[in-house]
PDB file of all heavy atoms in Angstrom:
ATOM      1  N   MET A   1      37.092  -7.558   5.295  1.00  0.00           N
ATOM      2  CA  MET A   1      35.721  -7.878   4.878  1.00  0.00           C
ATOM      3  C   MET A   1      35.558  -7.856   3.356  1.00  0.00           C
ATOM      4  O   MET A   1      34.869  -8.683   2.785  1.00  0.00           O
ATOM      5  CB  MET A   1      34.732  -6.876   5.495  1.00  0.00           C
ATOM      6  CG  MET A   1      34.615  -6.955   7.002  1.00  0.00           C
ATOM      7  SD  MET A   1      33.327  -5.815   7.587  1.00  0.00           S
ATOM      8  CE  MET A   1      33.393  -6.125   9.354  1.00  0.00           C
ATOM      9  N   TYR A   2      36.206  -6.861   2.715  1.00  0.00           N
ATOM     10  CA  TYR A   2      36.028  -6.686   1.279  1.00  0.00           C
ATOM     11  C   TYR A   2      37.382  -6.407   0.635  1.00  0.00           C
ATOM     12  O   TYR A   2      38.321  -5.949   1.288  1.00  0.00           O
ATOM     13  CB  TYR A   2      35.094  -5.515   0.970  1.00  0.00           C
ATOM     14  CG  TYR A   2      33.808  -5.506   1.764  1.00  0.00           C
ATOM     15  CD1 TYR A   2      33.666  -4.695   2.886  1.00  0.00           C
ATOM     16  CD2 TYR A   2      32.734  -6.316   1.405  1.00  0.00           C
ATOM     17  CE1 TYR A   2      32.496  -4.681   3.625  1.00  0.00           C
ATOM     18  CE2 TYR A   2      31.556  -6.310   2.134  1.00  0.00           C
ATOM     19  CZ  TYR A   2      31.453  -5.501   3.238  1.00  0.00           C
ATOM     20  OH  TYR A   2      30.294  -5.497   3.967  1.00  0.00           O
ATOM     21  N   CYS A   3      37.448  -6.656  -0.682  1.00  0.00           N
ATOM     22  CA  CYS A   3      38.652  -6.294  -1.427  1.00  0.00           C
ATOM     23  C   CYS A   3      38.514  -4.848  -1.902  1.00  0.00           C
ATOM     24  O   CYS A   3      37.404  -4.343  -2.065  1.00  0.00           O
ATOM     25  CB  CYS A   3      38.860  -7.225  -2.626  1.00  0.00           C
ATOM     26  SG  CYS A   3      37.547  -7.152  -3.856  1.00  0.00           S
ATOM     27  N   SER A   4      39.649  -4.194  -2.130  1.00  0.00           N
ATOM     28  CA  SER A   4      39.619  -2.776  -2.516  1.00  0.00           C
ATOM     29  C   SER A   4      39.017  -2.588  -3.909  1.00  0.00           C
ATOM     30  O   SER A   4      38.602  -1.490  -4.271  1.00  0.00           O
ATOM     31  CB  SER A   4      41.039  -2.197  -2.496  1.00  0.00           C
ATOM     32  OG  SER A   4      41.879  -2.912  -3.377  1.00  0.00           O
ATOM     33  N   GLN A   5      38.949  -3.679  -4.707  1.00  0.00           N
ATOM     34  CA  GLN A   5      38.389  -3.575  -6.065  1.00  0.00           C
ATOM     35  C   GLN A   5      36.873  -3.414  -6.071  1.00  0.00           C
ATOM     36  O   GLN A   5      36.271  -3.327  -7.138  1.00  0.00           O
ATOM     37  CB  GLN A   5      38.761  -4.817  -6.885  1.00  0.00           C
ATOM     38  CG  GLN A   5      40.196  -4.843  -7.365  1.00  0.00           C
ATOM     39  CD  GLN A   5      41.174  -5.229  -6.276  1.00  0.00           C
ATOM     40  OE1 GLN A   5      40.785  -5.797  -5.266  1.00  0.00           O
ATOM     41  NE2 GLN A   5      42.435  -4.920  -6.475  1.00  0.00           N
ATOM     42  N   ILE A   6      36.250  -3.383  -4.888  1.00  0.00           N
ATOM     43  CA  ILE A   6      34.798  -3.215  -4.833  1.00  0.00           C
ATOM     44  C   ILE A   6      34.386  -1.888  -5.466  1.00  0.00           C
ATOM     45  O   ILE A   6      33.322  -1.771  -6.068  1.00  0.00           O
ATOM     46  CB  ILE A   6      34.277  -3.312  -3.373  1.00  0.00           C
ATOM     47  CG1 ILE A   6      32.745  -3.430  -3.358  1.00  0.00           C
ATOM     48  CG2 ILE A   6      34.737  -2.139  -2.539  1.00  0.00           C
ATOM     49  CD1 ILE A   6      32.217  -4.711  -3.928  1.00  0.00           C
ATOM     50  N   SER A   7      35.268  -0.884  -5.360  1.00  0.00           N
ATOM     51  CA  SER A   7      34.973   0.411  -5.991  1.00  0.00           C
ATOM     52  C   SER A   7      35.003   0.281  -7.518  1.00  0.00           C
ATOM     53  O   SER A   7      34.252   0.963  -8.226  1.00  0.00           O
ATOM     54  CB  SER A   7      35.966   1.477  -5.535  1.00  0.00           C
ATOM     55  OG  SER A   7      37.292   1.099  -5.854  1.00  0.00           O
ATOM     56  N   ASP A   8      35.879  -0.593  -8.030  1.00  0.00           N
ATOM     57  CA  ASP A   8      35.908  -0.842  -9.475  1.00  0.00           C
ATOM     58  C   ASP A   8      34.614  -1.503  -9.933  1.00  0.00           C
ATOM     59  O   ASP A   8      34.130  -1.246 -11.042  1.00  0.00           O
ATOM     60  CB  ASP A   8      37.102  -1.728  -9.842  1.00  0.00           C
ATOM     61  CG  ASP A   8      38.436  -1.043  -9.588  1.00  0.00           C
ATOM     62  OD1 ASP A   8      38.484   0.199  -9.719  1.00  0.00           O
ATOM     63  OD2 ASP A   8      39.409  -1.726  -9.258  1.00  0.00           O
ATOM     64  N   LEU A   9      34.062  -2.359  -9.072  1.00  0.00           N
ATOM     65  CA  LEU A   9      32.783  -3.006  -9.389  1.00  0.00           C
ATOM     66  C   LEU A   9      31.679  -1.960  -9.507  1.00  0.00           C
ATOM     67  O   LEU A   9      30.872  -1.988 -10.438  1.00  0.00           O
ATOM     68  CB  LEU A   9      32.430  -4.032  -8.320  1.00  0.00           C
ATOM     69  CG  LEU A   9      31.018  -4.634  -8.408  1.00  0.00           C
ATOM     70  CD1 LEU A   9      30.852  -5.420  -9.703  1.00  0.00           C
ATOM     71  CD2 LEU A   9      30.717  -5.512  -7.200  1.00  0.00           C
ATOM     72  N   ILE A  10      31.654  -1.016  -8.561  1.00  0.00           N
ATOM     73  CA  ILE A  10      30.637   0.037  -8.595  1.00  0.00           C
ATOM     74  C   ILE A  10      30.812   0.893  -9.854  1.00  0.00           C
ATOM     75  O   ILE A  10      29.836   1.252 -10.520  1.00  0.00           O
ATOM     76  CB  ILE A  10      30.709   0.897  -7.319  1.00  0.00           C
ATOM     77  CG1 ILE A  10      30.338   0.044  -6.090  1.00  0.00           C
ATOM     78  CG2 ILE A  10      29.791   2.110  -7.419  1.00  0.00           C
ATOM     79  CD1 ILE A  10      30.534   0.739  -4.768  1.00  0.00           C
ATOM     80  N   SER A  11      32.079   1.201 -10.208  1.00  0.00           N
ATOM     81  CA  SER A  11      32.347   1.957 -11.429  1.00  0.00           C
ATOM     82  C   SER A  11      31.830   1.200 -12.649  1.00  0.00           C
ATOM     83  O   SER A  11      31.229   1.779 -13.551  1.00  0.00           O
ATOM     84  CB  SER A  11      33.851   2.208 -11.585  1.00  0.00           C
ATOM     85  OG  SER A  11      34.348   2.977 -10.527  1.00  0.00           O
ATOM     86  N   ALA A  12      32.062  -0.129 -12.659  1.00  0.00           N
ATOM     87  CA  ALA A  12      31.609  -0.955 -13.776  1.00  0.00           C
ATOM     88  C   ALA A  12      30.087  -0.956 -13.882  1.00  0.00           C
ATOM     89  O   ALA A  12      29.529  -0.922 -14.987  1.00  0.00           O
ATOM     90  CB  ALA A  12      32.129  -2.381 -13.612  1.00  0.00           C
ATOM     91  N   LEU A  13      29.413  -0.976 -12.738  1.00  0.00           N
ATOM     92  CA  LEU A  13      27.941  -0.937 -12.738  1.00  0.00           C
ATOM     93  C   LEU A  13      27.444   0.380 -13.324  1.00  0.00           C
ATOM     94  O   LEU A  13      26.492   0.409 -14.111  1.00  0.00           O
ATOM     95  CB  LEU A  13      27.417  -1.105 -11.308  1.00  0.00           C
ATOM     96  CG  LEU A  13      27.562  -2.501 -10.693  1.00  0.00           C
ATOM     97  CD1 LEU A  13      27.282  -2.447  -9.198  1.00  0.00           C
ATOM     98  CD2 LEU A  13      26.624  -3.482 -11.372  1.00  0.00           C
ATOM     99  N   ILE A  14      28.114   1.467 -12.942  1.00  0.00           N
ATOM    100  CA  ILE A  14      27.727   2.786 -13.455  1.00  0.00           C
ATOM    101  C   ILE A  14      27.952   2.848 -14.965  1.00  0.00           C
ATOM    102  O   ILE A  14      27.135   3.386 -15.715  1.00  0.00           O
ATOM    103  CB  ILE A  14      28.509   3.893 -12.724  1.00  0.00           C
ATOM    104  CG1 ILE A  14      28.071   3.963 -11.250  1.00  0.00           C
ATOM    105  CG2 ILE A  14      28.295   5.254 -13.395  1.00  0.00           C
ATOM    106  CD1 ILE A  14      28.940   4.852 -10.391  1.00  0.00           C
ATOM    107  N   ILE A  15      29.087   2.263 -15.428  1.00  0.00           N
ATOM    108  CA  ILE A  15      29.374   2.224 -16.862  1.00  0.00           C
ATOM    109  C   ILE A  15      28.263   1.476 -17.592  1.00  0.00           C
ATOM    110  O   ILE A  15      27.769   1.906 -18.637  1.00  0.00           O
ATOM    111  CB  ILE A  15      30.724   1.534 -17.133  1.00  0.00           C
ATOM    112  CG1 ILE A  15      31.868   2.301 -16.480  1.00  0.00           C
ATOM    113  CG2 ILE A  15      30.987   1.414 -18.639  1.00  0.00           C
ATOM    114  CD1 ILE A  15      33.166   1.531 -16.421  1.00  0.00           C
ATOM    115  N   TYR A  16      27.896   0.326 -17.036  1.00  0.00           N
ATOM    116  CA  TYR A  16      26.850  -0.488 -17.662  1.00  0.00           C
ATOM    117  C   TYR A  16      25.543   0.298 -17.755  1.00  0.00           C
ATOM    118  O   TYR A  16      24.859   0.294 -18.785  1.00  0.00           O
ATOM    119  CB  TYR A  16      26.646  -1.761 -16.854  1.00  0.00           C
ATOM    120  CG  TYR A  16      25.564  -2.673 -17.400  1.00  0.00           C
ATOM    121  CD1 TYR A  16      25.802  -3.478 -18.505  1.00  0.00           C
ATOM    122  CD2 TYR A  16      24.304  -2.713 -16.809  1.00  0.00           C
ATOM    123  CE1 TYR A  16      24.811  -4.301 -19.021  1.00  0.00           C
ATOM    124  CE2 TYR A  16      23.300  -3.535 -17.309  1.00  0.00           C
ATOM    125  CZ  TYR A  16      23.564  -4.320 -18.413  1.00  0.00           C
ATOM    126  OH  TYR A  16      22.578  -5.137 -18.919  1.00  0.00           O
ATOM    127  N   LEU A  17      25.214   0.988 -16.682  1.00  0.00           N
ATOM    128  CA  LEU A  17      23.962   1.753 -16.654  1.00  0.00           C
ATOM    129  C   LEU A  17      23.992   2.927 -17.626  1.00  0.00           C
ATOM    130  O   LEU A  17      22.941   3.358 -18.108  1.00  0.00           O
ATOM    131  CB  LEU A  17      23.705   2.253 -15.229  1.00  0.00           C
ATOM    132  CG  LEU A  17      23.318   1.156 -14.219  1.00  0.00           C
ATOM    133  CD1 LEU A  17      23.439   1.681 -12.797  1.00  0.00           C
ATOM    134  CD2 LEU A  17      21.902   0.657 -14.479  1.00  0.00           C
ATOM    135  N   CYS A  18      25.198   3.434 -17.925  1.00  0.00           N
ATOM    136  CA  CYS A  18      25.321   4.539 -18.881  1.00  0.00           C
ATOM    137  C   CYS A  18      24.804   4.144 -20.262  1.00  0.00           C
ATOM    138  O   CYS A  18      24.420   4.996 -21.062  1.00  0.00           O
ATOM    139  CB  CYS A  18      26.776   4.992 -18.989  1.00  0.00           C
ATOM    140  SG  CYS A  18      27.326   5.996 -17.597  1.00  0.00           S
ATOM    141  N   GLY A  19      24.796   2.840 -20.526  1.00  0.00           N
ATOM    142  CA  GLY A  19      24.263   2.366 -21.794  1.00  0.00           C
ATOM    143  C   GLY A  19      22.767   2.597 -21.924  1.00  0.00           C
ATOM    144  O   GLY A  19      22.220   2.530 -23.031  1.00  0.00           O
ATOM    145  N   PHE A  20      22.106   2.867 -20.801  1.00  0.00           N
ATOM    146  CA  PHE A  20      20.662   3.074 -20.824  1.00  0.00           C
ATOM    147  C   PHE A  20      20.288   4.556 -20.818  1.00  0.00           C
ATOM    148  O   PHE A  20      19.126   4.899 -20.651  1.00  0.00           O
ATOM    149  CB  PHE A  20      20.020   2.374 -19.619  1.00  0.00           C
ATOM    150  CG  PHE A  20      20.146   0.886 -19.662  1.00  0.00           C
ATOM    151  CD1 PHE A  20      21.203   0.250 -19.026  1.00  0.00           C
ATOM    152  CD2 PHE A  20      19.227   0.112 -20.352  1.00  0.00           C
ATOM    153  CE1 PHE A  20      21.334  -1.135 -19.069  1.00  0.00           C
ATOM    154  CE2 PHE A  20      19.340  -1.262 -20.392  1.00  0.00           C
ATOM    155  CZ  PHE A  20      20.406  -1.894 -19.760  1.00  0.00           C
ATOM    156  N   VAL A  21      21.302   5.441 -20.970  1.00  0.00           N
ATOM    157  CA  VAL A  21      21.033   6.886 -20.977  1.00  0.00           C
ATOM    158  C   VAL A  21      20.059   7.251 -22.094  1.00  0.00           C
ATOM    159  O   VAL A  21      19.120   8.031 -21.901  1.00  0.00           O
ATOM    160  CB  VAL A  21      22.354   7.675 -21.119  1.00  0.00           C
ATOM    161  CG1 VAL A  21      22.067   9.146 -21.425  1.00  0.00           C
ATOM    162  CG2 VAL A  21      23.182   7.562 -19.847  1.00  0.00           C
ATOM    163  N   PHE A  22      20.265   6.667 -23.288  1.00  0.00           N
ATOM    164  CA  PHE A  22      19.387   6.955 -24.430  1.00  0.00           C
ATOM    165  C   PHE A  22      17.943   6.564 -24.097  1.00  0.00           C
ATOM    166  O   PHE A  22      17.005   7.304 -24.386  1.00  0.00           O
ATOM    167  CB  PHE A  22      19.871   6.197 -25.663  1.00  0.00           C
ATOM    168  CG  PHE A  22      18.926   6.274 -26.830  1.00  0.00           C
ATOM    169  CD1 PHE A  22      18.845   7.423 -27.601  1.00  0.00           C
ATOM    170  CD2 PHE A  22      18.084   5.213 -27.138  1.00  0.00           C
ATOM    171  CE1 PHE A  22      17.972   7.500 -28.676  1.00  0.00           C
ATOM    172  CE2 PHE A  22      17.209   5.277 -28.201  1.00  0.00           C
ATOM    173  CZ  PHE A  22      17.155   6.428 -28.970  1.00  0.00           C
ATOM    174  N   PHE A  23      17.768   5.387 -23.477  1.00  0.00           N
ATOM    175  CA  PHE A  23      16.427   4.916 -23.145  1.00  0.00           C
ATOM    176  C   PHE A  23      15.790   5.781 -22.059  1.00  0.00           C
ATOM    177  O   PHE A  23      14.590   5.998 -22.060  1.00  0.00           O
ATOM    178  CB  PHE A  23      16.479   3.451 -22.706  1.00  0.00           C
ATOM    179  CG  PHE A  23      16.959   2.523 -23.770  1.00  0.00           C
ATOM    180  CD1 PHE A  23      18.253   2.057 -23.778  1.00  0.00           C
ATOM    181  CD2 PHE A  23      16.116   2.159 -24.814  1.00  0.00           C
ATOM    182  CE1 PHE A  23      18.704   1.209 -24.780  1.00  0.00           C
ATOM    183  CE2 PHE A  23      16.549   1.319 -25.822  1.00  0.00           C
ATOM    184  CZ  PHE A  23      17.856   0.839 -25.805  1.00  0.00           C
ATOM    185  N   PHE A  24      16.639   6.301 -21.153  1.00  0.00           N
ATOM    186  CA  PHE A  24      16.135   7.211 -20.122  1.00  0.00           C
ATOM    187  C   PHE A  24      15.592   8.490 -20.766  1.00  0.00           C
ATOM    188  O   PHE A  24      14.502   8.965 -20.420  1.00  0.00           O
ATOM    189  CB  PHE A  24      17.248   7.548 -19.127  1.00  0.00           C
ATOM    190  CG  PHE A  24      16.854   8.588 -18.110  1.00  0.00           C
ATOM    191  CD1 PHE A  24      16.169   8.238 -16.958  1.00  0.00           C
ATOM    192  CD2 PHE A  24      17.167   9.930 -18.313  1.00  0.00           C
ATOM    193  CE1 PHE A  24      15.802   9.199 -16.025  1.00  0.00           C
ATOM    194  CE2 PHE A  24      16.798  10.899 -17.394  1.00  0.00           C
ATOM    195  CZ  PHE A  24      16.113  10.520 -16.247  1.00  0.00           C
ATOM    196  N   LYS A  25      16.348   9.032 -21.722  1.00  0.00           N
ATOM    197  CA  LYS A  25      15.903  10.247 -22.416  1.00  0.00           C
ATOM    198  C   LYS A  25      14.620   9.980 -23.196  1.00  0.00           C
ATOM    199  O   LYS A  25      13.706  10.812 -23.207  1.00  0.00           O
ATOM    200  CB  LYS A  25      17.005  10.740 -23.355  1.00  0.00           C
ATOM    201  CG  LYS A  25      18.219  11.341 -22.660  1.00  0.00           C
ATOM    202  CD  LYS A  25      19.198  11.849 -23.701  1.00  0.00           C
ATOM    203  CE  LYS A  25      20.391  12.516 -23.050  1.00  0.00           C
ATOM    204  NZ  LYS A  25      21.354  13.019 -24.049  1.00  0.00           N
ATOM    205  N   LEU A  26      14.569   8.823 -23.848  1.00  0.00           N
ATOM    206  CA  LEU A  26      13.382   8.451 -24.623  1.00  0.00           C
ATOM    207  C   LEU A  26      12.169   8.335 -23.717  1.00  0.00           C
ATOM    208  O   LEU A  26      11.085   8.854 -24.030  1.00  0.00           O
ATOM    209  CB  LEU A  26      13.634   7.126 -25.345  1.00  0.00           C
ATOM    210  CG  LEU A  26      12.579   6.680 -26.361  1.00  0.00           C
ATOM    211  CD1 LEU A  26      12.530   7.652 -27.538  1.00  0.00           C
ATOM    212  CD2 LEU A  26      12.879   5.266 -26.847  1.00  0.00           C
ATOM    213  N   TRP A  27      12.350   7.690 -22.565  1.00  0.00           N
ATOM    214  CA  TRP A  27      11.259   7.535 -21.600  1.00  0.00           C
ATOM    215  C   TRP A  27      10.810   8.887 -21.061  1.00  0.00           C
ATOM    216  O   TRP A  27       9.603   9.161 -20.947  1.00  0.00           O
ATOM    217  CB  TRP A  27      11.713   6.635 -20.459  1.00  0.00           C
ATOM    218  CG  TRP A  27      10.769   6.606 -19.301  1.00  0.00           C
ATOM    219  CD1 TRP A  27       9.625   5.887 -19.163  1.00  0.00           C
ATOM    220  CD2 TRP A  27      10.898   7.383 -18.087  1.00  0.00           C
ATOM    221  NE1 TRP A  27       9.030   6.157 -17.961  1.00  0.00           N
ATOM    222  CE2 TRP A  27       9.783   7.066 -17.282  1.00  0.00           C
ATOM    223  CE3 TRP A  27      11.838   8.300 -17.622  1.00  0.00           C
ATOM    224  CZ2 TRP A  27       9.596   7.646 -16.027  1.00  0.00           C
ATOM    225  CZ3 TRP A  27      11.652   8.871 -16.370  1.00  0.00           C
ATOM    226  CH2 TRP A  27      10.540   8.538 -15.598  1.00  0.00           C
ATOM    227  N   LEU A  28      11.779   9.760 -20.742  1.00  0.00           N
ATOM    228  CA  LEU A  28      11.453  11.079 -20.205  1.00  0.00           C
ATOM    229  C   LEU A  28      10.693  11.914 -21.225  1.00  0.00           C
ATOM    230  O   LEU A  28       9.697  12.572 -20.881  1.00  0.00           O
ATOM    231  CB  LEU A  28      12.738  11.794 -19.777  1.00  0.00           C
ATOM    232  CG  LEU A  28      12.569  13.196 -19.178  1.00  0.00           C
ATOM    233  CD1 LEU A  28      11.699  13.151 -17.927  1.00  0.00           C
ATOM    234  CD2 LEU A  28      13.935  13.817 -18.851  1.00  0.00           C
ATOM    235  N   ASN A  29      11.127  11.894 -22.471  1.00  0.00           N
ATOM    236  CA  ASN A  29      10.441  12.670 -23.517  1.00  0.00           C
ATOM    237  C   ASN A  29       9.021  12.166 -23.754  1.00  0.00           C
ATOM    238  O   ASN A  29       8.101  12.954 -23.979  1.00  0.00           O
ATOM    239  CB  ASN A  29      11.248  12.629 -24.812  1.00  0.00           C
ATOM    240  CG  ASN A  29      12.470  13.539 -24.766  1.00  0.00           C
ATOM    241  OD1 ASN A  29      12.416  14.625 -24.207  1.00  0.00           O
ATOM    242  ND2 ASN A  29      13.573  13.082 -25.341  1.00  0.00           N
ATOM    243  N   ARG A  30       8.844  10.850 -23.708  1.00  0.00           N
ATOM    244  CA  ARG A  30       7.492  10.304 -23.857  1.00  0.00           C
ATOM    245  C   ARG A  30       6.601  10.716 -22.699  1.00  0.00           C
ATOM    246  O   ARG A  30       5.422  11.036 -22.890  1.00  0.00           O
ATOM    247  CB  ARG A  30       7.572   8.779 -23.944  1.00  0.00           C
ATOM    248  CG  ARG A  30       8.047   8.269 -25.295  1.00  0.00           C
ATOM    249  CD  ARG A  30       8.088   6.758 -25.330  1.00  0.00           C
ATOM    250  NE  ARG A  30       8.487   6.263 -26.643  1.00  0.00           N
ATOM    251  CZ  ARG A  30       8.671   4.974 -26.915  1.00  0.00           C
ATOM    252  NH1 ARG A  30       8.484   4.059 -25.977  1.00  0.00           N
ATOM    253  NH2 ARG A  30       9.034   4.596 -28.136  1.00  0.00           N
ATOM    254  N   LEU A  31       7.175  10.713 -21.505  1.00  0.00           N
ATOM    255  CA  LEU A  31       6.430  11.124 -20.317  1.00  0.00           C
ATOM    256  C   LEU A  31       6.020  12.587 -20.420  1.00  0.00           C
ATOM    257  O   LEU A  31       4.876  12.961 -20.103  1.00  0.00           O
ATOM    258  CB  LEU A  31       7.285  10.890 -19.065  1.00  0.00           C
ATOM    259  CG  LEU A  31       6.594  11.067 -17.705  1.00  0.00           C
ATOM    260  CD1 LEU A  31       5.553   9.964 -17.494  1.00  0.00           C
ATOM    261  CD2 LEU A  31       7.628  11.030 -16.579  1.00  0.00           C
ATOM    262  N   LEU A  32       6.944  13.427 -20.900  1.00  0.00           N
ATOM    263  CA  LEU A  32       6.647  14.853 -21.069  1.00  0.00           C
ATOM    264  C   LEU A  32       5.601  15.076 -22.158  1.00  0.00           C
ATOM    265  O   LEU A  32       4.741  15.954 -22.026  1.00  0.00           O
ATOM    266  CB  LEU A  32       7.936  15.612 -21.404  1.00  0.00           C
ATOM    267  CG  LEU A  32       8.994  15.695 -20.289  1.00  0.00           C
ATOM    268  CD1 LEU A  32      10.284  16.284 -20.823  1.00  0.00           C
ATOM    269  CD2 LEU A  32       8.480  16.521 -19.112  1.00  0.00           C
ATOM    270  N   ASP A  33       5.678  14.275 -23.230  1.00  0.00           N
ATOM    271  CA  ASP A  33       4.689  14.394 -24.313  1.00  0.00           C
ATOM    272  C   ASP A  33       3.280  14.067 -23.803  1.00  0.00           C
ATOM    273  O   ASP A  33       2.310  14.771 -24.118  1.00  0.00           O
ATOM    274  CB  ASP A  33       5.045  13.448 -25.465  1.00  0.00           C
ATOM    275  CG  ASP A  33       6.262  13.928 -26.238  1.00  0.00           C
ATOM    276  OD1 ASP A  33       6.580  15.129 -26.139  1.00  0.00           O
ATOM    277  OD2 ASP A  33       6.897  13.107 -26.917  1.00  0.00           O
ATOM    278  N   LYS A  34       3.178  13.009 -23.018  1.00  0.00           N
ATOM    279  CA  LYS A  34       1.877  12.616 -22.462  1.00  0.00           C
ATOM    280  C   LYS A  34       1.341  13.688 -21.526  1.00  0.00           C
ATOM    281  O   LYS A  34       0.149  14.001 -21.522  1.00  0.00           O
ATOM    282  CB  LYS A  34       2.009  11.289 -21.718  1.00  0.00           C
ATOM    283  CG  LYS A  34       2.182  10.086 -22.632  1.00  0.00           C
ATOM    284  CD  LYS A  34       2.284   8.794 -21.834  1.00  0.00           C
ATOM    285  CE  LYS A  34       2.447   7.596 -22.757  1.00  0.00           C
ATOM    286  NZ  LYS A  34       2.585   6.336 -21.989  1.00  0.00           N
ATOM    287  N   ARG A  35       2.252  14.277 -20.723  1.00  0.00           N
ATOM    288  CA  ARG A  35       1.832  15.333 -19.797  1.00  0.00           C
ATOM    289  C   ARG A  35       1.329  16.554 -20.555  1.00  0.00           C
ATOM    290  O   ARG A  35       0.305  17.145 -20.201  1.00  0.00           O
ATOM    291  CB  ARG A  35       3.005  15.713 -18.885  1.00  0.00           C
ATOM    292  CG  ARG A  35       2.637  16.655 -17.756  1.00  0.00           C
ATOM    293  CD  ARG A  35       3.852  17.216 -17.061  1.00  0.00           C
ATOM    294  NE  ARG A  35       4.613  18.088 -17.950  1.00  0.00           N
ATOM    295  CZ  ARG A  35       5.713  18.747 -17.564  1.00  0.00           C
ATOM    296  NH1 ARG A  35       6.168  18.593 -16.341  1.00  0.00           N
ATOM    297  NH2 ARG A  35       6.356  19.520 -18.418  1.00  0.00           N
ATOM    298  N   ASP A  36       2.067  16.918 -21.619  1.00  0.00           N
ATOM    299  CA  ASP A  36       1.669  18.080 -22.420  1.00  0.00           C
ATOM    300  C   ASP A  36       0.338  17.843 -23.135  1.00  0.00           C
ATOM    301  O   ASP A  36      -0.509  18.746 -23.233  1.00  0.00           O
ATOM    302  CB  ASP A  36       2.760  18.410 -23.451  1.00  0.00           C
ATOM    303  CG  ASP A  36       4.021  18.948 -22.790  1.00  0.00           C
ATOM    304  OD1 ASP A  36       3.945  19.349 -21.612  1.00  0.00           O
ATOM    305  OD2 ASP A  36       5.077  18.958 -23.448  1.00  0.00           O
ATOM    306  N   GLU A  37       0.159  16.617 -23.626  1.00  0.00           N
ATOM    307  CA  GLU A  37      -1.105  16.281 -24.280  1.00  0.00           C
ATOM    308  C   GLU A  37      -2.269  16.344 -23.292  1.00  0.00           C
ATOM    309  O   GLU A  37      -3.359  16.830 -23.619  1.00  0.00           O
ATOM    310  CB  GLU A  37      -1.024  14.878 -24.891  1.00  0.00           C
ATOM    311  CG  GLU A  37      -0.148  14.805 -26.133  1.00  0.00           C
ATOM    312  CD  GLU A  37       0.044  13.381 -26.613  1.00  0.00           C
ATOM    313  OE1 GLU A  37      -0.604  12.469 -26.044  1.00  0.00           O
ATOM    314  OE2 GLU A  37       0.839  13.174 -27.556  1.00  0.00           O
ATOM    315  N   LYS A  38      -2.022  15.869 -22.086  1.00  0.00           N
ATOM    316  CA  LYS A  38      -3.059  15.893 -21.056  1.00  0.00           C
ATOM    317  C   LYS A  38      -3.426  17.329 -20.686  1.00  0.00           C
ATOM    318  O   LYS A  38      -4.601  17.667 -20.540  1.00  0.00           O
ATOM    319  CB  LYS A  38      -2.568  15.122 -19.829  1.00  0.00           C
ATOM    320  CG  LYS A  38      -3.628  14.911 -18.770  1.00  0.00           C
ATOM    321  CD  LYS A  38      -3.072  14.068 -17.631  1.00  0.00           C
ATOM    322  CE  LYS A  38      -4.132  13.867 -16.537  1.00  0.00           C
ATOM    323  NZ  LYS A  38      -3.611  13.057 -15.407  1.00  0.00           N
ATOM    324  N   ARG A  39      -2.407  18.187 -20.554  1.00  0.00           N
ATOM    325  CA  ARG A  39      -2.659  19.596 -20.214  1.00  0.00           C
ATOM    326  C   ARG A  39      -3.409  20.303 -21.340  1.00  0.00           C
ATOM    327  O   ARG A  39      -4.315  21.103 -21.105  1.00  0.00           O
ATOM    328  CB  ARG A  39      -1.330  20.311 -19.946  1.00  0.00           C
ATOM    329  CG  ARG A  39      -0.735  19.998 -18.583  1.00  0.00           C
ATOM    330  CD  ARG A  39       0.552  20.771 -18.390  1.00  0.00           C
ATOM    331  NE  ARG A  39       1.112  20.555 -17.071  1.00  0.00           N
ATOM    332  CZ  ARG A  39       2.292  21.028 -16.681  1.00  0.00           C
ATOM    333  NH1 ARG A  39       3.010  21.753 -17.514  1.00  0.00           N
ATOM    334  NH2 ARG A  39       2.736  20.788 -15.463  1.00  0.00           N
ATOM    335  N   ALA A  40      -3.014  19.989 -22.591  1.00  0.00           N
ATOM    336  CA  ALA A  40      -3.677  20.612 -23.739  1.00  0.00           C
ATOM    337  C   ALA A  40      -5.145  20.197 -23.805  1.00  0.00           C
ATOM    338  O   ALA A  40      -6.029  21.023 -24.097  1.00  0.00           O
ATOM    339  CB  ALA A  40      -2.959  20.216 -25.024  1.00  0.00           C
TER     340      ALA A  40
END
């Protein structure tokens, strides 16, 4: 049904998504800032 390299494809997708780690942190910090401002 599938070639064994399908796992390499999944690894490649994870690698690609790792490029968005910085943006994830930026989004999370902004979300936390808004929450803290709302609580204050």
